[in-house]
PDB file of N, CA and C in Angstrom:
ATOM      1  N   SER A   1      13.348  38.227  23.307  1.00  0.00           N
ATOM      2  CA  SER A   1      12.376  38.309  22.236  1.00  0.00           C
ATOM      3  C   SER A   1      11.958  36.921  21.744  1.00  0.00           C
ATOM      4  N   VAL A   2      12.795  35.915  21.951  1.00  0.00           N
ATOM      5  CA  VAL A   2      12.452  34.571  21.481  1.00  0.00           C
ATOM      6  C   VAL A   2      11.201  34.039  22.179  1.00  0.00           C
ATOM      7  N   PRO A   3      11.092  34.120  23.522  1.00  0.00           N
ATOM      8  CA  PRO A   3       9.854  33.649  24.158  1.00  0.00           C
ATOM      9  C   PRO A   3       8.618  34.395  23.665  1.00  0.00           C
ATOM     10  N   PHE A   4       8.758  35.671  23.400  1.00  0.00           N
ATOM     11  CA  PHE A   4       7.637  36.462  22.894  1.00  0.00           C
ATOM     12  C   PHE A   4       7.208  35.971  21.508  1.00  0.00           C
ATOM     13  N   LEU A   5       8.179  35.699  20.637  1.00  0.00           N
ATOM     14  CA  LEU A   5       7.865  35.206  19.296  1.00  0.00           C
ATOM     15  C   LEU A   5       7.225  33.816  19.346  1.00  0.00           C
ATOM     16  N   ILE A   6       7.708  32.969  20.260  1.00  0.00           N
ATOM     17  CA  ILE A   6       7.127  31.634  20.409  1.00  0.00           C
ATOM     18  C   ILE A   6       5.685  31.734  20.892  1.00  0.00           C
ATOM     19  N   ARG A   7       5.444  32.677  21.782  1.00  0.00           N
ATOM     20  CA  ARG A   7       4.082  32.881  22.292  1.00  0.00           C
ATOM     21  C   ARG A   7       3.154  33.359  21.177  1.00  0.00           C
ATOM     22  N   LEU A   8       3.656  34.219  20.294  1.00  0.00           N
ATOM     23  CA  LEU A   8       2.847  34.727  19.186  1.00  0.00           C
ATOM     24  C   LEU A   8       2.659  33.698  18.076  1.00  0.00           C
ATOM     25  N   PHE A   9       3.689  32.896  17.819  1.00  0.00           N
ATOM     26  CA  PHE A   9       3.673  31.943  16.713  1.00  0.00           C
ATOM     27  C   PHE A   9       4.051  30.542  17.206  1.00  0.00           C
ATOM     28  N   PRO A  10       3.128  29.829  17.863  1.00  0.00           N
ATOM     29  CA  PRO A  10       3.461  28.495  18.397  1.00  0.00           C
ATOM     30  C   PRO A  10       3.804  27.479  17.300  1.00  0.00           C
ATOM     31  N   SER A  11       3.332  27.687  16.097  1.00  0.00           N
ATOM     32  CA  SER A  11       3.651  26.740  15.015  1.00  0.00           C
ATOM     33  C   SER A  11       5.137  26.770  14.679  1.00  0.00           C
ATOM     34  N   VAL A  12       5.796  27.912  14.909  1.00  0.00           N
ATOM     35  CA  VAL A  12       7.235  28.010  14.664  1.00  0.00           C
ATOM     36  C   VAL A  12       7.987  27.078  15.617  1.00  0.00           C
ATOM     37  N   LEU A  13       7.576  27.051  16.871  1.00  0.00           N
ATOM     38  CA  LEU A  13       8.205  26.167  17.851  1.00  0.00           C
ATOM     39  C   LEU A  13       8.039  24.708  17.431  1.00  0.00           C
ATOM     40  N   THR A  14       6.857  24.342  16.993  1.00  0.00           N
ATOM     41  CA  THR A  14       6.608  22.970  16.557  1.00  0.00           C
ATOM     42  C   THR A  14       7.525  22.588  15.410  1.00  0.00           C
ATOM     43  N   LYS A  15       7.702  23.471  14.457  1.00  0.00           N
ATOM     44  CA  LYS A  15       8.571  23.181  13.311  1.00  0.00           C
ATOM     45  C   LYS A  15      10.010  22.960  13.753  1.00  0.00           C
ATOM     46  N   PHE A  16      10.498  23.748  14.696  1.00  0.00           N
ATOM     47  CA  PHE A  16      11.887  23.613  15.123  1.00  0.00           C
ATOM     48  C   PHE A  16      12.110  22.470  16.107  1.00  0.00           C
ATOM     49  N   VAL A  17      11.081  22.072  16.821  1.00  0.00           N
ATOM     50  CA  VAL A  17      11.226  20.939  17.730  1.00  0.00           C
ATOM     51  C   VAL A  17      11.245  19.634  16.940  1.00  0.00           C
ATOM     52  N   PHE A  18      10.313  19.471  15.993  1.00  0.00           N
ATOM     53  CA  PHE A  18      10.187  18.210  15.269  1.00  0.00           C
ATOM     54  C   PHE A  18      10.944  18.184  13.947  1.00  0.00           C
ATOM     55  N   LEU A  19      11.288  19.334  13.405  1.00  0.00           N
ATOM     56  CA  LEU A  19      12.047  19.434  12.156  1.00  0.00           C
ATOM     57  C   LEU A  19      11.435  18.601  11.027  1.00  0.00           C
ATOM     58  N   ASN A  20      10.093  18.541  10.968  1.00  0.00           N
ATOM     59  CA  ASN A  20       9.452  17.721   9.956  1.00  0.00           C
ATOM     60  C   ASN A  20       9.478  18.340   8.557  1.00  0.00           C
ATOM     61  N   PHE A  21      10.078  19.484   8.406  1.00  0.00           N
ATOM     62  CA  PHE A  21      10.220  20.087   7.079  1.00  0.00           C
ATOM     63  C   PHE A  21      11.519  19.647   6.411  1.00  0.00           C
ATOM     64  N   LEU A  22      12.396  18.939   7.143  1.00  0.00           N
ATOM     65  CA  LEU A  22      13.644  18.443   6.576  1.00  0.00           C
ATOM     66  C   LEU A  22      13.470  17.030   6.046  1.00  0.00           C
ATOM     67  N   ALA A  23      13.993  16.775   4.879  1.00  0.00           N
ATOM     68  CA  ALA A  23      13.994  15.430   4.308  1.00  0.00           C
ATOM     69  C   ALA A  23      15.451  14.999   4.165  1.00  0.00           C
ATOM     70  N   PHE A  24      15.843  14.024   4.972  1.00  0.00           N
ATOM     71  CA  PHE A  24      17.227  13.567   4.946  1.00  0.00           C
ATOM     72  C   PHE A  24      17.254  12.099   4.574  1.00  0.00           C
ATOM     73  N   PRO A  25      18.096  11.633   3.738  1.00  0.00           N
ATOM     74  CA  PRO A  25      19.145  12.339   3.016  1.00  0.00           C
ATOM     75  C   PRO A  25      18.571  13.242   1.931  1.00  0.00           C
ATOM     76  N   PHE A  26      19.320  14.259   1.612  1.00  0.00           N
ATOM     77  CA  PHE A  26      18.865  15.266   0.668  1.00  0.00           C
ATOM     78  C   PHE A  26      18.859  14.712  -0.754  1.00  0.00           C
ATOM     79  N   PHE A  27      18.001  15.254  -1.588  1.00  0.00           N
ATOM     80  CA  PHE A  27      17.922  14.951  -3.023  1.00  0.00           C
ATOM     81  C   PHE A  27      17.631  13.477  -3.313  1.00  0.00           C
ATOM     82  N   VAL A  28      16.832  12.844  -2.469  1.00  0.00           N
ATOM     83  CA  VAL A  28      16.442  11.456  -2.681  1.00  0.00           C
ATOM     84  C   VAL A  28      14.938  11.427  -2.931  1.00  0.00           C
ATOM     85  N   ASP A  29      14.517  10.639  -3.906  1.00  0.00           N
ATOM     86  CA  ASP A  29      13.101  10.511  -4.225  1.00  0.00           C
ATOM     87  C   ASP A  29      12.505   9.384  -3.380  1.00  0.00           C
ATOM     88  N   PHE A  30      11.806   9.739  -2.303  1.00  0.00           N
ATOM     89  CA  PHE A  30      11.244   8.750  -1.393  1.00  0.00           C
ATOM     90  C   PHE A  30      10.015   8.069  -1.972  1.00  0.00           C
ATOM     91  N   ARG A  31       9.539   8.518  -3.128  1.00  0.00           N
ATOM     92  CA  ARG A  31       8.432   7.836  -3.789  1.00  0.00           C
ATOM     93  C   ARG A  31       8.914   6.588  -4.519  1.00  0.00           C
ATOM     94  N   ARG A  32      10.230   6.422  -4.648  1.00  0.00           N
ATOM     95  CA  ARG A  32      10.828   5.252  -5.308  1.00  0.00           C
ATOM     96  C   ARG A  32      11.736   4.521  -4.326  1.00  0.00           C
ATOM     97  N   PRO A  33      11.165   3.846  -3.323  1.00  0.00           N
ATOM     98  CA  PRO A  33      11.995   3.206  -2.292  1.00  0.00           C
ATOM     99  C   PRO A  33      12.842   2.064  -2.821  1.00  0.00           C
ATOM    100  N   GLU A  34      12.460   1.481  -3.943  1.00  0.00           N
ATOM    101  CA  GLU A  34      13.246   0.367  -4.481  1.00  0.00           C
ATOM    102  C   GLU A  34      14.658   0.795  -4.848  1.00  0.00           C
ATOM    103  N   LEU A  35      14.868   2.100  -5.026  1.00  0.00           N
ATOM    104  CA  LEU A  35      16.207   2.609  -5.290  1.00  0.00           C
ATOM    105  C   LEU A  35      17.045   2.717  -4.018  1.00  0.00           C
ATOM    106  N   LEU A  36      16.391   2.710  -2.859  1.00  0.00           N
ATOM    107  CA  LEU A  36      17.058   2.877  -1.571  1.00  0.00           C
ATOM    108  C   LEU A  36      17.171   1.580  -0.778  1.00  0.00           C
ATOM    109  N   VAL A  37      16.094   0.791  -0.782  1.00  0.00           N
ATOM    110  CA  VAL A  37      16.006  -0.406   0.045  1.00  0.00           C
ATOM    111  C   VAL A  37      15.595  -1.580  -0.841  1.00  0.00           C
ATOM    112  N   ASN A  38      16.295  -2.685  -0.740  1.00  0.00           N
ATOM    113  CA  ASN A  38      15.961  -3.868  -1.541  1.00  0.00           C
ATOM    114  C   ASN A  38      14.585  -4.417  -1.177  1.00  0.00           C
ATOM    115  N   ASN A  39      13.898  -4.965  -2.159  1.00  0.00           N
ATOM    116  CA  ASN A  39      12.610  -5.651  -1.975  1.00  0.00           C
ATOM    117  C   ASN A  39      11.557  -4.763  -1.331  1.00  0.00           C
ATOM    118  N   THR A  40      11.468  -3.518  -1.775  1.00  0.00           N
ATOM    119  CA  THR A  40      10.553  -2.548  -1.187  1.00  0.00           C
ATOM    120  C   THR A  40       9.731  -1.882  -2.272  1.00  0.00           C
ATOM    121  N   ILE A  41       8.473  -1.603  -1.946  1.00  0.00           N
ATOM    122  CA  ILE A  41       7.586  -0.906  -2.872  1.00  0.00           C
ATOM    123  C   ILE A  41       6.773   0.117  -2.083  1.00  0.00           C
ATOM    124  N   SER A  42       6.393   1.195  -2.726  1.00  0.00           N
ATOM    125  CA  SER A  42       5.586   2.235  -2.097  1.00  0.00           C
ATOM    126  C   SER A  42       4.112   1.975  -2.385  1.00  0.00           C
ATOM    127  N   LEU A  43       3.298   1.960  -1.337  1.00  0.00           N
ATOM    128  CA  LEU A  43       1.858   1.748  -1.458  1.00  0.00           C
ATOM    129  C   LEU A  43       1.122   2.871  -0.738  1.00  0.00           C
ATOM    130  N   HIS A  44      -0.157   3.005  -1.012  1.00  0.00           N
ATOM    131  CA  HIS A  44      -0.993   3.989  -0.328  1.00  0.00           C
ATOM    132  C   HIS A  44      -2.253   3.307   0.187  1.00  0.00           C
ATOM    133  N   LEU A  45      -2.598   3.558   1.439  1.00  0.00           N
ATOM    134  CA  LEU A  45      -3.792   3.007   2.066  1.00  0.00           C
ATOM    135  C   LEU A  45      -4.755   4.136   2.369  1.00  0.00           C
ATOM    136  N   THR A  46      -6.032   3.912   2.090  1.00  0.00           N
ATOM    137  CA  THR A  46      -7.064   4.875   2.457  1.00  0.00           C
ATOM    138  C   THR A  46      -7.652   4.416   3.782  1.00  0.00           C
ATOM    139  N   THR A  47      -7.397   5.173   4.842  1.00  0.00           N
ATOM    140  CA  THR A  47      -7.834   4.768   6.173  1.00  0.00           C
ATOM    141  C   THR A  47      -9.264   5.189   6.462  1.00  0.00           C
ATOM    142  N   GLU A  48      -9.663   6.309   5.913  1.00  0.00           N
ATOM    143  CA  GLU A  48     -11.038   6.801   6.015  1.00  0.00           C
ATOM    144  C   GLU A  48     -11.232   7.774   4.859  1.00  0.00           C
ATOM    145  N   PRO A  49     -12.455   8.155   4.554  1.00  0.00           N
ATOM    146  CA  PRO A  49     -12.662   9.049   3.410  1.00  0.00           C
ATOM    147  C   PRO A  49     -11.828  10.334   3.534  1.00  0.00           C
ATOM    148  N   GLY A  50     -11.046  10.597   2.510  1.00  0.00           N
ATOM    149  CA  GLY A  50     -10.233  11.805   2.484  1.00  0.00           C
ATOM    150  C   GLY A  50      -8.873  11.689   3.154  1.00  0.00           C
ATOM    151  N   VAL A  51      -8.553  10.522   3.749  1.00  0.00           N
ATOM    152  CA  VAL A  51      -7.274  10.340   4.427  1.00  0.00           C
ATOM    153  C   VAL A  51      -6.535   9.167   3.779  1.00  0.00           C
ATOM    154  N   THR A  52      -5.399   9.475   3.159  1.00  0.00           N
ATOM    155  CA  THR A  52      -4.574   8.453   2.536  1.00  0.00           C
ATOM    156  C   THR A  52      -3.213   8.448   3.210  1.00  0.00           C
ATOM    157  N   VAL A  53      -2.732   7.257   3.551  1.00  0.00           N
ATOM    158  CA  VAL A  53      -1.463   7.093   4.235  1.00  0.00           C
ATOM    159  C   VAL A  53      -0.499   6.377   3.294  1.00  0.00           C
ATOM    160  N   GLY A  54       0.670   6.946   3.117  1.00  0.00           N
ATOM    161  CA  GLY A  54       1.692   6.300   2.302  1.00  0.00           C
ATOM    162  C   GLY A  54       2.503   5.334   3.137  1.00  0.00           C
ATOM    163  N   ILE A  55       2.774   4.152   2.589  1.00  0.00           N
ATOM    164  CA  ILE A  55       3.550   3.140   3.308  1.00  0.00           C
ATOM    165  C   ILE A  55       4.602   2.544   2.378  1.00  0.00           C
ATOM    166  N   TRP A  56       5.606   1.965   2.973  1.00  0.00           N
ATOM    167  CA  TRP A  56       6.567   1.142   2.243  1.00  0.00           C
ATOM    168  C   TRP A  56       6.356  -0.290   2.697  1.00  0.00           C
ATOM    169  N   HIS A  57       6.263  -1.199   1.749  1.00  0.00           N
ATOM    170  CA  HIS A  57       6.184  -2.613   2.077  1.00  0.00           C
ATOM    171  C   HIS A  57       7.514  -3.238   1.700  1.00  0.00           C
ATOM    172  N   THR A  58       8.219  -3.744   2.694  1.00  0.00           N
ATOM    173  CA  THR A  58       9.502  -4.404   2.499  1.00  0.00           C
ATOM    174  C   THR A  58       9.363  -5.861   2.887  1.00  0.00           C
ATOM    175  N   VAL A  59       9.693  -6.748   1.974  1.00  0.00           N
ATOM    176  CA  VAL A  59       9.660  -8.174   2.305  1.00  0.00           C
ATOM    177  C   VAL A  59      11.017  -8.559   2.893  1.00  0.00           C
ATOM    178  N   PRO A  60      11.042  -9.572   3.763  1.00  0.00           N
ATOM    179  CA  PRO A  60      12.310  -9.960   4.395  1.00  0.00           C
ATOM    180  C   PRO A  60      13.299 -10.518   3.381  1.00  0.00           C
ATOM    181  N   GLY A  61      14.551 -10.521   3.762  1.00  0.00           N
ATOM    182  CA  GLY A  61      15.607 -11.016   2.893  1.00  0.00           C
ATOM    183  C   GLY A  61      15.416 -12.460   2.477  1.00  0.00           C
ATOM    184  N   SER A  62      14.749 -13.253   3.323  1.00  0.00           N
ATOM    185  CA  SER A  62      14.516 -14.659   2.984  1.00  0.00           C
ATOM    186  C   SER A  62      13.587 -14.803   1.778  1.00  0.00           C
ATOM    187  N   ARG A  63      12.798 -13.786   1.497  1.00  0.00           N
ATOM    188  CA  ARG A  63      11.907 -13.796   0.327  1.00  0.00           C
ATOM    189  C   ARG A  63      12.412 -12.852  -0.761  1.00  0.00           C
ATOM    190  N   GLY A  64      13.630 -12.376  -0.610  1.00  0.00           N
ATOM    191  CA  GLY A  64      14.188 -11.412  -1.555  1.00  0.00           C
ATOM    192  C   GLY A  64      14.288 -11.931  -2.971  1.00  0.00           C
ATOM    193  N   ALA A  65      14.762 -13.157  -3.132  1.00  0.00           N
ATOM    194  CA  ALA A  65      14.891 -13.729  -4.477  1.00  0.00           C
ATOM    195  C   ALA A  65      13.525 -13.881  -5.130  1.00  0.00           C
ATOM    196  N   GLU A  66      12.536 -14.227  -4.335  1.00  0.00           N
ATOM    197  CA  GLU A  66      11.170 -14.375  -4.842  1.00  0.00           C
ATOM    198  C   GLU A  66      10.577 -13.038  -5.262  1.00  0.00           C
ATOM    199  N   ALA A  67      10.972 -11.952  -4.596  1.00  0.00           N
ATOM    200  CA  ALA A  67      10.413 -10.627  -4.857  1.00  0.00           C
ATOM    201  C   ALA A  67      11.045  -9.913  -6.046  1.00  0.00           C
ATOM    202  N   GLN A  68      12.182 -10.386  -6.519  1.00  0.00           N
ATOM    203  CA  GLN A  68      12.897  -9.710  -7.603  1.00  0.00           C
ATOM    204  C   GLN A  68      12.024  -9.590  -8.848  1.00  0.00           C
ATOM    205  N   GLY A  69      11.843  -8.364  -9.330  1.00  0.00           N
ATOM    206  CA  GLY A  69      11.114  -8.106 -10.565  1.00  0.00           C
ATOM    207  C   GLY A  69       9.606  -8.195 -10.458  1.00  0.00           C
ATOM    208  N   LYS A  70       9.079  -8.352  -9.259  1.00  0.00           N
ATOM    209  CA  LYS A  70       7.626  -8.476  -9.089  1.00  0.00           C
ATOM    210  C   LYS A  70       6.964  -7.102  -9.100  1.00  0.00           C
ATOM    211  N   ASP A  71       5.692  -7.095  -9.444  1.00  0.00           N
ATOM    212  CA  ASP A  71       4.938  -5.844  -9.514  1.00  0.00           C
ATOM    213  C   ASP A  71       4.186  -5.595  -8.201  1.00  0.00           C
ATOM    214  N   GLN A  72       3.423  -4.520  -8.185  1.00  0.00           N
ATOM    215  CA  GLN A  72       2.700  -4.111  -6.974  1.00  0.00           C
ATOM    216  C   GLN A  72       1.703  -5.178  -6.536  1.00  0.00           C
ATOM    217  N   ARG A  73       1.084  -5.855  -7.472  1.00  0.00           N
ATOM    218  CA  ARG A  73       0.092  -6.882  -7.126  1.00  0.00           C
ATOM    219  C   ARG A  73       0.725  -7.998  -6.291  1.00  0.00           C
ATOM    220  N   TRP A  74       1.951  -8.417  -6.632  1.00  0.00           N
ATOM    221  CA  TRP A  74       2.623  -9.469  -5.875  1.00  0.00           C
ATOM    222  C   TRP A  74       2.844  -9.023  -4.435  1.00  0.00           C
ATOM    223  N   TYR A  75       3.266  -7.767  -4.243  1.00  0.00           N
ATOM    224  CA  TYR A  75       3.506  -7.250  -2.894  1.00  0.00           C
ATOM    225  C   TYR A  75       2.207  -7.189  -2.095  1.00  0.00           C
ATOM    226  N   GLU A  76       1.105  -6.812  -2.742  1.00  0.00           N
ATOM    227  CA  GLU A  76      -0.184  -6.771  -2.053  1.00  0.00           C
ATOM    228  C   GLU A  76      -0.625  -8.176  -1.651  1.00  0.00           C
ATOM    229  N   GLU A  77      -0.417  -9.158  -2.521  1.00  0.00           N
ATOM    230  CA  GLU A  77      -0.761 -10.540  -2.183  1.00  0.00           C
ATOM    231  C   GLU A  77       0.147 -11.086  -1.080  1.00  0.00           C
ATOM    232  N   ALA A  78       1.399 -10.625  -1.041  1.00  0.00           N
ATOM    233  CA  ALA A  78       2.318 -11.056   0.013  1.00  0.00           C
ATOM    234  C   ALA A  78       1.857 -10.568   1.386  1.00  0.00           C
ATOM    235  N   LEU A  79       1.139  -9.466   1.429  1.00  0.00           N
ATOM    236  CA  LEU A  79       0.605  -8.991   2.704  1.00  0.00           C
ATOM    237  C   LEU A  79      -0.505  -9.894   3.224  1.00  0.00           C
ATOM    238  N   ALA A  80      -1.183 -10.612   2.322  1.00  0.00           N
ATOM    239  CA  ALA A  80      -2.326 -11.429   2.710  1.00  0.00           C
ATOM    240  C   ALA A  80      -1.949 -12.877   3.015  1.00  0.00           C
ATOM    241  N   ASP A  81      -0.702 -13.269   2.819  1.00  0.00           N
ATOM    242  CA  ASP A  81      -0.344 -14.664   3.082  1.00  0.00           C
ATOM    243  C   ASP A  81      -0.101 -14.892   4.574  1.00  0.00           C
ATOM    244  N   ALA A  82       0.366 -16.062   4.928  1.00  0.00           N
ATOM    245  CA  ALA A  82       0.492 -16.451   6.341  1.00  0.00           C
ATOM    246  C   ALA A  82       1.715 -15.866   7.045  1.00  0.00           C
ATOM    247  N   HIS A  83       2.569 -15.146   6.343  1.00  0.00           N
ATOM    248  CA  HIS A  83       3.762 -14.582   6.974  1.00  0.00           C
ATOM    249  C   HIS A  83       3.377 -13.422   7.899  1.00  0.00           C
ATOM    250  N   PRO A  84       4.080 -13.269   9.015  1.00  0.00           N
ATOM    251  CA  PRO A  84       3.762 -12.157   9.927  1.00  0.00           C
ATOM    252  C   PRO A  84       4.114 -10.813   9.298  1.00  0.00           C
ATOM    253  N   VAL A  85       3.414  -9.767   9.744  1.00  0.00           N
ATOM    254  CA  VAL A  85       3.649  -8.402   9.278  1.00  0.00           C
ATOM    255  C   VAL A  85       4.100  -7.572  10.466  1.00  0.00           C
ATOM    256  N   ILE A  86       5.197  -6.861  10.306  1.00  0.00           N
ATOM    257  CA  ILE A  86       5.698  -5.958  11.345  1.00  0.00           C
ATOM    258  C   ILE A  86       5.453  -4.537  10.878  1.00  0.00           C
ATOM    259  N   ILE A  87       4.807  -3.753  11.703  1.00  0.00           N
ATOM    260  CA  ILE A  87       4.528  -2.361  11.366  1.00  0.00           C
ATOM    261  C   ILE A  87       5.493  -1.489  12.148  1.00  0.00           C
ATOM    262  N   TYR A  88       6.264  -0.702  11.431  1.00  0.00           N
ATOM    263  CA  TYR A  88       7.228   0.205  12.056  1.00  0.00           C
ATOM    264  C   TYR A  88       6.710   1.627  11.872  1.00  0.00           C
ATOM    265  N   LEU A  89       6.453   2.316  12.964  1.00  0.00           N
ATOM    266  CA  LEU A  89       5.984   3.700  12.937  1.00  0.00           C
ATOM    267  C   LEU A  89       7.175   4.594  13.289  1.00  0.00           C
ATOM    268  N   HIS A  90       7.609   5.377  12.337  1.00  0.00           N
ATOM    269  CA  HIS A  90       8.843   6.139  12.510  1.00  0.00           C
ATOM    270  C   HIS A  90       8.680   7.403  13.340  1.00  0.00           C
ATOM    271  N   GLY A  91       7.482   7.802  13.666  1.00  0.00           N
ATOM    272  CA  GLY A  91       7.268   9.017  14.436  1.00  0.00           C
ATOM    273  C   GLY A  91       6.874  10.160  13.527  1.00  0.00           C
ATOM    274  N   ASN A  92       6.819  11.357  14.075  1.00  0.00           N
ATOM    275  CA  ASN A  92       6.321  12.485  13.296  1.00  0.00           C
ATOM    276  C   ASN A  92       7.422  13.329  12.678  1.00  0.00           C
ATOM    277  N   GLY A  93       8.666  12.990  12.843  1.00  0.00           N
ATOM    278  CA  GLY A  93       9.750  13.735  12.225  1.00  0.00           C
ATOM    279  C   GLY A  93      10.384  12.925  11.117  1.00  0.00           C
ATOM    280  N   GLY A  94      10.959  13.596  10.180  1.00  0.00           N
ATOM    281  CA  GLY A  94      11.617  12.881   9.088  1.00  0.00           C
ATOM    282  C   GLY A  94      10.660  12.414   8.034  1.00  0.00           C
ATOM    283  N   THR A  95      11.065  11.381   7.332  1.00  0.00           N
ATOM    284  CA  THR A  95      10.254  10.843   6.247  1.00  0.00           C
ATOM    285  C   THR A  95      10.179   9.339   6.355  1.00  0.00           C
ATOM    286  N   ARG A  96       9.373   8.757   5.480  1.00  0.00           N
ATOM    287  CA  ARG A  96       9.316   7.295   5.470  1.00  0.00           C
ATOM    288  C   ARG A  96      10.667   6.763   5.124  1.00  0.00           C
TER     289      ARG A  96
END
Protein backbone atom coordinates (compact mmCIF):
# COMPACT_ATOMS: atom_id res chain seq x y z
CA SER A 1 0.00 0.00 0.00
CA VAL A 2 2.95 2.36 0.51
CA PRO A 3 3.82 2.60 -3.23
CA PHE A 4 0.15 3.23 -3.98
CA LEU A 5 -0.03 6.05 -1.42
CA ILE A 6 3.19 7.59 -2.76
CA ARG A 7 1.74 7.48 -6.27
CA LEU A 8 -1.43 9.23 -5.07
CA PHE A 9 0.33 11.77 -2.84
CA PRO A 10 3.84 12.59 -4.18
CA SER A 11 4.15 15.55 -1.79
CA VAL A 12 4.20 13.08 1.12
CA LEU A 13 7.31 11.42 -0.33
CA THR A 14 9.01 14.81 -0.69
CA LYS A 15 8.31 15.66 2.95
CA PHE A 16 9.79 12.38 4.19
CA VAL A 17 12.82 12.46 1.92
CA PHE A 18 13.88 16.03 2.76
CA LEU A 19 12.33 16.34 6.24
CA ASN A 20 12.06 20.11 5.77
CA PHE A 21 9.23 20.30 8.31
CA LEU A 22 11.67 19.52 11.16
CA ALA A 23 13.53 22.32 12.89
CA PHE A 24 16.51 21.02 14.84
CA PRO A 25 17.53 21.80 17.53
CA PHE A 26 14.04 21.96 18.95
CA PHE A 27 12.61 25.02 20.72
CA VAL A 28 15.21 27.44 19.34
CA ASP A 29 14.26 30.82 17.89
CA PHE A 30 16.17 30.97 14.58
CA ARG A 31 15.07 34.58 14.09
CA ARG A 32 17.57 35.51 16.85
CA PRO A 33 20.86 33.97 15.66
CA GLU A 34 22.92 36.11 18.02
CA LEU A 35 21.75 33.79 20.79
CA LEU A 36 23.20 30.78 18.93
CA VAL A 37 26.25 32.03 17.01
CA ASN A 38 28.61 34.85 18.00
CA ASN A 39 28.79 37.96 15.78
CA THR A 40 25.70 37.03 13.77
CA ILE A 41 22.61 38.96 12.72
CA SER A 42 19.50 37.99 10.77
CA LEU A 43 18.83 39.96 7.57
CA HIS A 44 16.32 39.71 4.73
CA LEU A 45 17.06 40.28 1.03
CA THR A 46 14.45 40.93 -1.63
CA THR A 47 15.65 39.05 -4.69
CA GLU A 48 12.71 39.93 -6.93
CA PRO A 49 9.24 41.37 -6.36
CA GLY A 50 7.39 39.17 -3.89
CA VAL A 51 10.42 36.99 -3.02
CA THR A 52 12.29 37.63 0.22
CA VAL A 53 15.19 35.46 1.36
CA GLY A 54 16.27 35.31 4.99
CA ILE A 55 20.01 35.22 5.64
CA TRP A 56 22.40 35.21 8.57
CA HIS A 57 25.42 37.47 8.34
CA THR A 58 28.29 36.22 10.49
CA VAL A 59 31.51 38.19 10.68
CA PRO A 60 34.76 36.26 11.22
CA GLY A 61 36.27 35.88 14.65
CA SER A 62 39.04 38.31 13.73
CA ARG A 63 36.39 41.06 13.59
CA GLY A 64 34.45 39.75 16.58
CA ALA A 65 35.60 42.41 19.03
CA GLU A 66 34.70 45.10 16.50
CA ALA A 67 31.21 43.61 16.01
CA GLN A 68 30.28 43.49 19.71
CA GLY A 69 27.18 45.58 20.40
CA LYS A 70 26.81 46.81 16.81
CA ASP A 71 23.44 47.27 15.15
CA GLN A 72 22.10 46.03 11.81
CA ARG A 73 23.50 49.03 9.94
CA TRP A 74 27.08 48.11 10.93
CA TYR A 75 26.60 44.56 9.62
CA GLU A 76 25.20 45.88 6.33
CA GLU A 77 28.18 48.23 5.93
CA ALA A 78 30.53 45.33 6.73
CA LEU A 79 29.15 43.52 3.69
CA ALA A 80 30.21 46.44 1.48
CA ASP A 81 33.83 46.73 2.65
CA ALA A 82 36.87 45.08 1.05
CA HIS A 83 36.66 41.85 3.08
CA PRO A 84 35.68 38.71 1.14
CA VAL A 85 32.17 37.27 1.54
CA ILE A 86 31.57 33.52 1.71
CA ILE A 87 28.08 32.32 0.88
CA TYR A 88 27.09 29.02 2.46
CA LEU A 89 23.97 27.37 0.99
CA HIS A 90 22.73 24.77 3.44
CA GLY A 91 20.42 22.95 1.02
CA ASN A 92 16.69 22.44 1.13
CA GLY A 93 16.43 20.53 4.41
CA GLY A 94 16.66 21.92 7.89
CA THR A 95 16.87 25.56 8.75
CA ARG A 96 19.29 28.42 8.53
